[in-house]
Amino acid sequence: MASTLASHKTYPVAAYTGTVHIPEDGQLIAYGPTTAHVST
């Protein structure tokens, strides 16, 4: 199962996801494990 969570807040992202994709200006700039990209 997959879902999309879009947020400017880091807590929901870290609490509910295992992998993140980080876009900027329409381009994917980073992706990988949530713990590597989001600090809580």
PDB file of N, CA and C in Angstrom:
ATOM      1  N   MET A   1       0.840  -1.151   0.000  1.00  0.00           N
ATOM      2  CA  MET A   1       0.000   0.000   0.000  1.00  0.00           C
ATOM      3  C   MET A   1       0.899   1.231   0.000  1.00  0.00           C
ATOM      4  N   ALA A   2       0.485   2.262  -0.697  1.00  0.00           N
ATOM      5  CA  ALA A   2       1.238   3.517  -0.735  1.00  0.00           C
ATOM      6  C   ALA A   2       0.271   4.671  -0.548  1.00  0.00           C
ATOM      7  N   SER A   3       0.782   5.740   0.021  1.00  0.00           N
ATOM      8  CA  SER A   3      -0.013   6.952   0.162  1.00  0.00           C
ATOM      9  C   SER A   3       0.914   8.150   0.079  1.00  0.00           C
ATOM     10  N   THR A   4       0.337   9.315  -0.096  1.00  0.00           N
ATOM     11  CA  THR A   4       1.102  10.544  -0.189  1.00  0.00           C
ATOM     12  C   THR A   4       0.748  11.438   0.980  1.00  0.00           C
ATOM     13  N   LEU A   5       1.747  11.958   1.649  1.00  0.00           N
ATOM     14  CA  LEU A   5       1.555  12.908   2.742  1.00  0.00           C
ATOM     15  C   LEU A   5       2.347  14.159   2.386  1.00  0.00           C
ATOM     16  N   ALA A   6       1.668  15.251   2.158  1.00  0.00           N
ATOM     17  CA  ALA A   6       2.332  16.515   1.838  1.00  0.00           C
ATOM     18  C   ALA A   6       2.217  17.425   3.048  1.00  0.00           C
ATOM     19  N   SER A   7       3.359  17.908   3.538  1.00  0.00           N
ATOM     20  CA  SER A   7       3.344  18.724   4.742  1.00  0.00           C
ATOM     21  C   SER A   7       4.585  19.597   4.821  1.00  0.00           C
ATOM     22  N   HIS A   8       4.423  20.762   5.433  1.00  0.00           N
ATOM     23  CA  HIS A   8       5.556  21.631   5.736  1.00  0.00           C
ATOM     24  C   HIS A   8       6.037  21.389   7.166  1.00  0.00           C
ATOM     25  N   LYS A   9       5.297  20.594   7.893  1.00  0.00           N
ATOM     26  CA  LYS A   9       5.648  20.262   9.276  1.00  0.00           C
ATOM     27  C   LYS A   9       6.432  18.957   9.294  1.00  0.00           C
ATOM     28  N   THR A  10       7.511  18.904  10.054  1.00  0.00           N
ATOM     29  CA  THR A  10       8.323  17.689  10.055  1.00  0.00           C
ATOM     30  C   THR A  10       7.774  16.587  10.946  1.00  0.00           C
ATOM     31  N   TYR A  11       7.035  16.918  12.010  1.00  0.00           N
ATOM     32  CA  TYR A  11       6.546  15.876  12.918  1.00  0.00           C
ATOM     33  C   TYR A  11       5.652  14.856  12.222  1.00  0.00           C
ATOM     34  N   PRO A  12       4.613  15.265  11.492  1.00  0.00           N
ATOM     35  CA  PRO A  12       3.770  14.243  10.847  1.00  0.00           C
ATOM     36  C   PRO A  12       4.555  13.410   9.834  1.00  0.00           C
ATOM     37  N   VAL A  13       5.479  14.032   9.148  1.00  0.00           N
ATOM     38  CA  VAL A  13       6.273  13.298   8.167  1.00  0.00           C
ATOM     39  C   VAL A  13       7.091  12.222   8.871  1.00  0.00           C
ATOM     40  N   ALA A  14       7.780  12.593   9.935  1.00  0.00           N
ATOM     41  CA  ALA A  14       8.618  11.636  10.668  1.00  0.00           C
ATOM     42  C   ALA A  14       7.787  10.568  11.366  1.00  0.00           C
ATOM     43  N   ALA A  15       6.596  10.920  11.819  1.00  0.00           N
ATOM     44  CA  ALA A  15       5.765   9.975  12.561  1.00  0.00           C
ATOM     45  C   ALA A  15       5.083   8.939  11.666  1.00  0.00           C
ATOM     46  N   TYR A  16       4.789   9.294  10.421  1.00  0.00           N
ATOM     47  CA  TYR A  16       3.973   8.421   9.594  1.00  0.00           C
ATOM     48  C   TYR A  16       4.636   7.878   8.342  1.00  0.00           C
ATOM     49  N   THR A  17       5.873   8.239   8.078  1.00  0.00           N
ATOM     50  CA  THR A  17       6.498   7.774   6.843  1.00  0.00           C
ATOM     51  C   THR A  17       7.820   7.059   7.109  1.00  0.00           C
ATOM     52  N   GLY A  18       8.205   6.210   6.203  1.00  0.00           N
ATOM     53  CA  GLY A  18       9.483   5.521   6.278  1.00  0.00           C
ATOM     54  C   GLY A  18      10.453   6.023   5.220  1.00  0.00           C
ATOM     55  N   THR A  19       9.890   6.594   4.153  1.00  0.00           N
ATOM     56  CA  THR A  19      10.687   7.104   3.038  1.00  0.00           C
ATOM     57  C   THR A  19      10.129   8.465   2.637  1.00  0.00           C
ATOM     58  N   VAL A  20      11.007   9.388   2.296  1.00  0.00           N
ATOM     59  CA  VAL A  20      10.561  10.700   1.840  1.00  0.00           C
ATOM     60  C   VAL A  20      11.150  11.018   0.469  1.00  0.00           C
ATOM     61  N   HIS A  21      10.407  11.823  -0.280  1.00  0.00           N
ATOM     62  CA  HIS A  21      10.860  12.400  -1.536  1.00  0.00           C
ATOM     63  C   HIS A  21      10.709  13.905  -1.361  1.00  0.00           C
ATOM     64  N   ILE A  22      11.767  14.661  -1.571  1.00  0.00           N
ATOM     65  CA  ILE A  22      11.746  16.097  -1.307  1.00  0.00           C
ATOM     66  C   ILE A  22      11.866  16.859  -2.635  1.00  0.00           C
ATOM     67  N   PRO A  23      10.773  17.541  -3.025  1.00  0.00           N
ATOM     68  CA  PRO A  23      10.814  18.318  -4.265  1.00  0.00           C
ATOM     69  C   PRO A  23      11.164  19.777  -3.993  1.00  0.00           C
ATOM     70  N   GLU A  24      11.732  20.422  -4.987  1.00  0.00           N
ATOM     71  CA  GLU A  24      11.981  21.862  -4.932  1.00  0.00           C
ATOM     72  C   GLU A  24      11.866  22.398  -6.347  1.00  0.00           C
ATOM     73  N   ASP A  25      11.028  23.393  -6.529  1.00  0.00           N
ATOM     74  CA  ASP A  25      10.808  23.997  -7.845  1.00  0.00           C
ATOM     75  C   ASP A  25      10.465  22.970  -8.919  1.00  0.00           C
ATOM     76  N   GLY A  26       9.673  21.971  -8.547  1.00  0.00           N
ATOM     77  CA  GLY A  26       9.230  20.971  -9.506  1.00  0.00           C
ATOM     78  C   GLY A  26      10.228  19.862  -9.793  1.00  0.00           C
ATOM     79  N   GLN A  27      11.368  19.881  -9.141  1.00  0.00           N
ATOM     80  CA  GLN A  27      12.394  18.858  -9.339  1.00  0.00           C
ATOM     81  C   GLN A  27      12.607  18.078  -8.055  1.00  0.00           C
ATOM     82  N   LEU A  28      12.872  16.791  -8.163  1.00  0.00           N
ATOM     83  CA  LEU A  28      13.164  15.971  -7.005  1.00  0.00           C
ATOM     84  C   LEU A  28      14.621  16.217  -6.602  1.00  0.00           C
ATOM     85  N   ILE A  29      14.829  16.741  -5.378  1.00  0.00           N
ATOM     86  CA  ILE A  29      16.192  17.068  -4.956  1.00  0.00           C
ATOM     87  C   ILE A  29      16.760  16.062  -3.966  1.00  0.00           C
ATOM     88  N   ALA A  30      15.901  15.291  -3.289  1.00  0.00           N
ATOM     89  CA  ALA A  30      16.385  14.302  -2.328  1.00  0.00           C
ATOM     90  C   ALA A  30      15.322  13.236  -2.114  1.00  0.00           C
ATOM     91  N   TYR A  31      15.765  12.038  -1.804  1.00  0.00           N
ATOM     92  CA  TYR A  31      14.853  10.955  -1.440  1.00  0.00           C
ATOM     93  C   TYR A  31      15.622   9.928  -0.635  1.00  0.00           C
ATOM     94  N   GLY A  32      14.907   9.181   0.159  1.00  0.00           N
ATOM     95  CA  GLY A  32      15.527   8.138   0.954  1.00  0.00           C
ATOM     96  C   GLY A  32      14.806   7.952   2.275  1.00  0.00           C
ATOM     97  N   PRO A  33      15.460   7.281   3.223  1.00  0.00           N
ATOM     98  CA  PRO A  33      14.838   7.036   4.526  1.00  0.00           C
ATOM     99  C   PRO A  33      14.493   8.338   5.233  1.00  0.00           C
ATOM    100  N   THR A  34      13.363   8.372   5.871  1.00  0.00           N
ATOM    101  CA  THR A  34      12.912   9.568   6.582  1.00  0.00           C
ATOM    102  C   THR A  34      13.939  10.037   7.595  1.00  0.00           C
ATOM    103  N   THR A  35      14.542   9.123   8.316  1.00  0.00           N
ATOM    104  CA  THR A  35      15.491   9.501   9.365  1.00  0.00           C
ATOM    105  C   THR A  35      16.716  10.218   8.811  1.00  0.00           C
ATOM    106  N   ALA A  36      17.048  10.013   7.560  1.00  0.00           N
ATOM    107  CA  ALA A  36      18.202  10.667   6.957  1.00  0.00           C
ATOM    108  C   ALA A  36      17.895  12.098   6.519  1.00  0.00           C
ATOM    109  N   HIS A  37      16.611  12.436   6.334  1.00  0.00           N
ATOM    110  CA  HIS A  37      16.254  13.727   5.767  1.00  0.00           C
ATOM    111  C   HIS A  37      15.404  14.614   6.661  1.00  0.00           C
ATOM    112  N   VAL A  38      14.793  14.048   7.695  1.00  0.00           N
ATOM    113  CA  VAL A  38      13.885  14.811   8.558  1.00  0.00           C
ATOM    114  C   VAL A  38      14.335  14.677  10.000  1.00  0.00           C
ATOM    115  N   SER A  39      14.591  15.818  10.666  1.00  0.00           N
ATOM    116  CA  SER A  39      14.915  15.768  12.084  1.00  0.00           C
ATOM    117  C   SER A  39      13.642  16.033  12.879  1.00  0.00           C
ATOM    118  N   THR A  40      13.489  15.377  14.011  1.00  0.00           N
ATOM    119  CA  THR A  40      12.268  15.541  14.803  1.00  0.00           C
ATOM    120  C   THR A  40      12.481  16.479  15.959  1.00  0.00           C
TER     121      THR A  40
END
